[in-house]
Amino acid sequence: MLLGTVLLWALNVTVTKYMFQQGWRPLSYGTIRYALAILLFWAFTWWRERSFRIARGDVWLVVLAGLFIFVNQVCFVYAVKLSSAATVALLLGATPVFMGVIAEVLRLERLQTTFWVGAVVTFAGVGLIAAHSGGGVSTSLTGTLIAIATAFTWACYSTSIAPLMRRYSPYRISSLVLAIGWVPLAAVAVHQVGQQQFHFGTLPWIGFAYAVVGPLFLTNILWFTAIDRVGAPRASLFGNLQPFFSVFFALLLLHESLHAMEIAGGVLIFAGIALERVWRRERVVLAGRE
């Protein structure tokens, strides 16, 4: 289930890029896709729990998470539109480091030296990719910066829902957060939706169906079921493989290529993730001794 989830997530960047190549407008794609996914989530959650209720004191966290997912989705579609799928995939690998930095700023975690070394290495990799895109060789600097913002806003979203996940099922939270985030997304997408043409072939519609059911709906069920069975540490280890598979799919299916500086940046990002994993193991050991 973990491997299947990671593969579904990884393929999503490539499929999204393909959708734009076939004529989908970024905000139109994101809005319609999320609307259909919300319907699936609400039907599934109601069948499973018969309730969407949350405590009044948690409403602000749900709204905050919804706003983060709104900004994240706007960033994601435009990052993929303006940059290559492989570059976006590499930069999304920096998400765990962003999460650690946010946790430190909010005083939610006690970070060890190993993490900060990993953070510096990761950000050095991000810098190399950004420097390459500034040269205008294969991607745009704007797309690269928006991809970095995508990783950062996903880290913000993940941090904001963490306390909610301890009190409610992931399905209830996903249903509410996606619905709240969809409202401003639909508002800013009105113009693009009105101009969107839907004369696509069979393969683009298959890709769109996958984008709704796979990475948005099915992965949540698989991911959280797997976490219950094997634990969060092993699940997060699989999650770190997502950027690697995302790059692989982009190179294989879209015939994209990576510049030497992007490859070097990707290596540094993955090295930083490895150091972040070392820090996480150290934290577990320290927690066991306290």
Protein backbone atom coordinates (compact mmCIF):
# COMPACT_ATOMS: atom_id res chain seq x y z
CA MET A 1 0.00 0.00 0.00
CA LEU A 2 2.85 2.39 0.79
CA LEU A 3 4.61 1.72 -2.49
CA GLY A 4 1.35 2.02 -4.42
CA THR A 5 0.61 5.34 -2.74
CA VAL A 6 4.05 6.73 -3.53
CA LEU A 7 3.79 5.66 -7.17
CA LEU A 8 0.35 7.25 -7.52
CA TRP A 9 1.61 10.50 -6.01
CA ALA A 10 4.76 10.45 -8.13
CA LEU A 11 2.90 9.96 -11.41
CA ASN A 12 0.65 12.92 -10.62
CA VAL A 13 3.25 15.56 -11.60
CA THR A 14 3.79 13.96 -15.00
CA VAL A 15 0.07 13.53 -15.63
CA THR A 16 -0.57 17.15 -14.68
CA LYS A 17 2.07 18.35 -17.13
CA TYR A 18 0.52 16.18 -19.82
CA MET A 19 -2.92 17.63 -19.07
CA PHE A 20 -1.61 21.15 -19.69
CA GLN A 21 0.03 20.05 -22.92
CA GLN A 22 -3.37 18.79 -24.08
CA GLY A 23 -5.12 22.11 -23.48
CA TRP A 24 -6.24 22.17 -19.85
CA ARG A 25 -5.92 25.60 -18.23
CA PRO A 26 -4.11 25.39 -14.85
CA LEU A 27 -6.81 26.82 -12.55
CA SER A 28 -9.61 25.19 -14.51
CA TYR A 29 -7.89 21.82 -14.17
CA GLY A 30 -7.26 22.25 -10.45
CA THR A 31 -10.76 23.48 -9.66
CA ILE A 32 -12.72 20.81 -11.54
CA ARG A 33 -10.38 18.08 -10.33
CA TYR A 34 -10.77 19.09 -6.70
CA ALA A 35 -14.55 19.46 -7.00
CA LEU A 36 -14.87 15.84 -8.14
CA ALA A 37 -12.43 14.61 -5.50
CA ILE A 38 -14.41 16.42 -2.78
CA LEU A 39 -17.58 14.63 -3.87
CA LEU A 40 -15.78 11.30 -3.53
CA PHE A 41 -14.36 12.23 -0.13
CA TRP A 42 -17.70 13.39 1.22
CA ALA A 43 -19.51 10.28 0.02
CA PHE A 44 -16.84 7.98 1.43
CA THR A 45 -16.59 9.81 4.76
CA TRP A 46 -20.35 9.87 5.24
CA TRP A 47 -20.55 6.15 4.45
CA ARG A 48 -17.73 5.42 6.91
CA GLU A 49 -18.45 7.84 9.78
CA ARG A 50 -21.92 9.38 9.31
CA SER A 51 -20.57 12.69 10.57
CA PHE A 52 -18.36 15.64 9.64
CA ARG A 53 -18.52 17.23 13.08
CA ILE A 54 -15.47 18.81 14.67
CA ALA A 55 -15.06 20.76 17.89
CA ARG A 56 -15.64 24.52 17.70
CA GLY A 57 -12.12 25.15 18.96
CA ASP A 58 -10.68 23.26 15.98
CA VAL A 59 -12.53 25.21 13.28
CA TRP A 60 -9.74 27.77 12.90
CA LEU A 61 -7.20 25.02 12.25
CA VAL A 62 -9.42 23.49 9.56
CA VAL A 63 -9.86 26.90 7.92
CA LEU A 64 -6.11 27.57 8.11
CA ALA A 65 -5.33 24.20 6.54
CA GLY A 66 -7.90 24.92 3.82
CA LEU A 67 -6.23 28.22 2.99
CA PHE A 68 -2.84 26.51 2.81
CA ILE A 69 -4.18 23.84 0.45
CA PHE A 70 -5.70 26.60 -1.72
CA VAL A 71 -2.38 28.44 -2.05
CA ASN A 72 -0.56 25.15 -2.52
CA GLN A 73 -2.76 24.08 -5.41
CA VAL A 74 -2.45 27.42 -7.18
CA CYS A 75 1.33 27.16 -6.82
CA PHE A 76 1.38 23.53 -7.93
CA VAL A 77 -0.52 23.98 -11.19
CA TYR A 78 1.49 27.03 -12.21
CA ALA A 79 4.80 25.45 -11.20
CA VAL A 80 4.05 22.49 -13.47
CA LYS A 81 2.77 24.80 -16.21
CA LEU A 82 5.85 27.05 -16.21
CA SER A 83 8.54 24.50 -15.42
CA SER A 84 9.35 20.92 -16.32
CA ALA A 85 7.74 18.08 -14.39
CA ALA A 86 11.17 16.70 -13.47
CA THR A 87 12.31 20.03 -11.99
CA VAL A 88 9.12 20.38 -9.96
CA ALA A 89 9.55 16.83 -8.69
CA LEU A 90 13.10 17.53 -7.55
CA LEU A 91 12.09 20.67 -5.69
CA LEU A 92 9.16 18.97 -3.97
CA GLY A 93 11.76 16.72 -2.38
CA ALA A 94 12.67 19.65 -0.11
CA THR A 95 9.28 19.45 1.65
CA PRO A 96 10.48 17.46 4.72
CA VAL A 97 13.19 20.04 5.37
CA PHE A 98 10.67 22.88 5.13
CA MET A 99 8.51 21.02 7.64
CA GLY A 100 11.42 20.76 10.04
CA VAL A 101 12.22 24.46 9.75
CA ILE A 102 8.57 25.38 10.35
CA ALA A 103 8.50 23.10 13.39
CA GLU A 104 11.59 24.84 14.77
CA VAL A 105 10.15 28.33 14.19
CA LEU A 106 6.90 27.36 15.91
CA ARG A 107 8.83 25.56 18.67
CA LEU A 108 7.11 22.27 17.90
CA GLU A 109 10.31 20.24 17.58
CA ARG A 110 13.80 20.18 19.05
CA LEU A 111 16.07 19.95 16.03
CA GLN A 112 19.49 18.35 16.19
CA THR A 113 22.65 19.47 14.40
CA THR A 114 22.23 16.66 11.87
CA PHE A 115 18.97 18.17 10.67
CA TRP A 116 20.49 21.59 10.12
CA VAL A 117 23.35 20.09 8.13
CA GLY A 118 20.77 18.30 6.01
CA ALA A 119 18.79 21.53 5.63
CA VAL A 120 21.84 23.42 4.38
CA VAL A 121 22.64 20.64 1.90
CA THR A 122 19.04 20.54 0.67
CA PHE A 123 18.79 24.29 0.23
CA ALA A 124 22.12 24.26 -1.61
CA GLY A 125 20.53 21.79 -4.04
CA VAL A 126 17.48 24.02 -4.40
CA GLY A 127 19.83 26.94 -5.08
CA LEU A 128 21.60 25.05 -7.86
CA ILE A 129 18.31 24.26 -9.58
CA ALA A 130 17.17 27.87 -9.24
CA ALA A 131 20.51 29.13 -10.62
CA HIS A 132 20.17 26.85 -13.63
CA SER A 133 16.59 27.97 -14.30
CA GLY A 134 17.75 31.59 -14.15
CA GLY A 135 19.88 30.85 -17.17
CA GLY A 136 16.76 30.04 -19.17
CA VAL A 137 18.17 26.79 -20.55
CA SER A 138 15.28 24.38 -20.04
CA THR A 139 12.92 25.89 -17.51
CA SER A 140 11.86 29.25 -16.14
CA LEU A 141 13.01 30.90 -12.96
CA THR A 142 9.40 31.87 -12.22
CA GLY A 143 8.31 28.24 -12.44
CA THR A 144 11.18 27.18 -10.20
CA LEU A 145 10.34 29.77 -7.55
CA ILE A 146 6.68 28.77 -7.63
CA ALA A 147 7.73 25.10 -7.26
CA ILE A 148 9.71 26.05 -4.15
CA ALA A 149 6.61 27.84 -2.86
CA THR A 150 4.63 24.66 -3.57
CA ALA A 151 6.94 22.62 -1.34
CA PHE A 152 6.81 25.29 1.38
CA THR A 153 3.01 25.62 1.37
CA TRP A 154 2.60 21.84 1.47
CA ALA A 155 4.85 21.80 4.53
CA CYS A 156 2.65 24.51 6.08
CA TYR A 157 -0.47 22.50 5.29
CA SER A 158 1.01 19.30 6.73
CA THR A 159 2.01 21.11 9.92
CA SER A 160 -1.41 22.71 10.35
CA ILE A 161 -3.34 19.43 10.06
CA ALA A 162 -1.03 17.47 12.39
CA PRO A 163 -2.99 18.28 15.60
CA LEU A 164 -6.27 17.61 13.81
CA MET A 165 -5.10 14.17 12.72
CA ARG A 166 -4.60 13.25 16.37
CA ARG A 167 -8.27 13.95 17.13
CA TYR A 168 -10.18 13.03 13.96
CA SER A 169 -9.97 10.56 11.12
CA PRO A 170 -7.95 11.62 8.08
CA TYR A 171 -11.05 11.21 5.93
CA ARG A 172 -13.09 13.71 7.92
CA ILE A 173 -10.26 16.23 7.92
CA SER A 174 -9.57 15.74 4.22
CA SER A 175 -13.26 16.21 3.38
CA LEU A 176 -13.50 19.48 5.31
CA VAL A 177 -10.12 20.93 4.38
CA LEU A 178 -10.51 20.22 0.67
CA ALA A 179 -13.96 21.76 0.64
CA ILE A 180 -12.78 24.92 2.38
CA GLY A 181 -9.73 25.22 0.13
CA TRP A 182 -11.87 24.69 -2.97
CA VAL A 183 -14.01 27.79 -2.37
CA PRO A 184 -11.27 30.41 -3.00
CA LEU A 185 -9.78 28.15 -5.69
CA ALA A 186 -13.08 28.17 -7.57
CA ALA A 187 -13.38 31.93 -7.08
CA VAL A 188 -10.03 32.70 -8.71
CA ALA A 189 -10.63 30.12 -11.45
CA VAL A 190 -13.98 31.43 -12.70
CA HIS A 191 -12.48 33.12 -15.76
CA GLN A 192 -10.42 30.09 -16.82
CA VAL A 193 -13.28 27.66 -16.26
CA GLY A 194 -15.51 29.82 -18.44
CA GLN A 195 -12.96 29.73 -21.27
CA GLN A 196 -12.02 26.06 -20.91
CA GLN A 197 -12.64 23.83 -23.91
CA PHE A 198 -13.32 20.15 -23.23
CA HIS A 199 -12.66 18.61 -26.63
CA PHE A 200 -10.06 16.11 -25.47
CA GLY A 201 -9.20 12.66 -26.70
CA THR A 202 -9.58 9.43 -24.77
CA LEU A 203 -6.12 9.42 -23.17
CA PRO A 204 -6.41 12.91 -21.63
CA TRP A 205 -9.75 11.97 -20.09
CA ILE A 206 -8.23 8.77 -18.69
CA GLY A 207 -5.41 10.89 -17.25
CA PHE A 208 -7.91 13.29 -15.72
CA ALA A 209 -9.89 10.44 -14.14
CA TYR A 210 -6.64 9.10 -12.69
CA ALA A 211 -5.76 12.57 -11.33
CA VAL A 212 -9.07 12.72 -9.47
CA VAL A 213 -9.29 9.18 -8.13
CA GLY A 214 -5.62 8.24 -7.72
CA PRO A 215 -3.48 10.93 -6.06
CA LEU A 216 -6.37 12.77 -4.38
CA PHE A 217 -8.76 10.07 -3.18
CA LEU A 218 -7.35 6.54 -3.28
CA THR A 219 -3.94 7.50 -1.90
CA ASN A 220 -5.45 8.88 1.31
CA ILE A 221 -7.18 5.58 2.00
CA LEU A 222 -4.06 3.52 1.21
CA TRP A 223 -1.64 5.83 3.04
CA PHE A 224 -3.47 6.09 6.34
CA THR A 225 -4.45 2.42 6.34
CA ALA A 226 -0.78 1.53 5.86
CA ILE A 227 0.31 3.90 8.65
CA ASP A 228 -2.04 2.09 11.04
CA ARG A 229 -0.37 -1.20 10.13
CA VAL A 230 3.34 -0.36 9.87
CA GLY A 231 3.70 2.94 11.72
CA ALA A 232 4.54 6.49 10.64
CA PRO A 233 8.38 6.10 10.59
CA ARG A 234 8.32 3.38 7.92
CA ALA A 235 5.63 5.25 5.99
CA SER A 236 7.68 8.44 5.93
CA LEU A 237 10.66 6.46 4.62
CA PHE A 238 8.58 5.38 1.64
CA GLY A 239 7.30 8.93 1.23
CA ASN A 240 10.84 10.18 0.68
CA LEU A 241 11.03 8.01 -2.46
CA GLN A 242 8.31 10.05 -4.18
CA PRO A 243 10.57 12.69 -5.81
CA PHE A 244 12.80 9.96 -7.26
CA PHE A 245 9.85 8.19 -8.90
CA SER A 246 8.38 11.52 -10.03
CA VAL A 247 11.57 12.38 -11.89
CA PHE A 248 11.68 8.87 -13.38
CA PHE A 249 8.13 9.16 -14.74
CA ALA A 250 8.79 12.64 -16.17
CA LEU A 251 11.93 11.47 -17.97
CA LEU A 252 10.32 8.26 -19.21
CA LEU A 253 6.83 9.41 -20.24
CA LEU A 254 7.37 13.05 -21.20
CA HIS A 255 10.91 12.58 -22.56
CA GLU A 256 12.16 15.46 -20.45
CA SER A 257 15.83 15.92 -19.64
CA LEU A 258 17.81 17.30 -16.73
CA HIS A 259 20.76 19.67 -16.95
CA ALA A 260 23.95 18.82 -15.04
CA MET A 261 23.22 21.56 -12.48
CA GLU A 262 19.71 20.18 -11.93
CA ILE A 263 21.11 16.69 -11.43
CA ALA A 264 23.66 18.03 -8.95
CA GLY A 265 20.91 19.95 -7.18
CA GLY A 266 18.75 16.84 -7.04
CA VAL A 267 21.61 14.83 -5.53
CA LEU A 268 22.06 17.48 -2.83
CA ILE A 269 18.33 17.53 -2.09
CA PHE A 270 18.25 13.76 -1.67
CA ALA A 271 21.41 13.89 0.46
CA GLY A 272 19.71 16.47 2.66
CA ILE A 273 16.66 14.22 2.98
CA ALA A 274 18.95 11.36 4.03
CA LEU A 275 20.46 13.54 6.76
CA GLU A 276 16.95 14.56 7.81
CA ARG A 277 16.18 10.86 8.21
CA VAL A 278 19.27 10.46 10.40
CA TRP A 279 18.03 13.34 12.57
CA ARG A 280 14.64 11.68 12.83
CA ARG A 281 16.22 8.42 14.01
CA GLU A 282 18.28 10.34 16.56
CA ARG A 283 15.12 11.98 17.83
CA VAL A 284 13.44 8.59 18.28
CA VAL A 285 16.46 7.29 20.22
CA LEU A 286 16.54 10.35 22.47
CA ALA A 287 12.81 10.09 23.09
CA GLY A 288 13.25 6.46 24.12
CA ARG A 289 15.92 7.42 26.66
CA GLU A 290 14.00 10.25 28.30
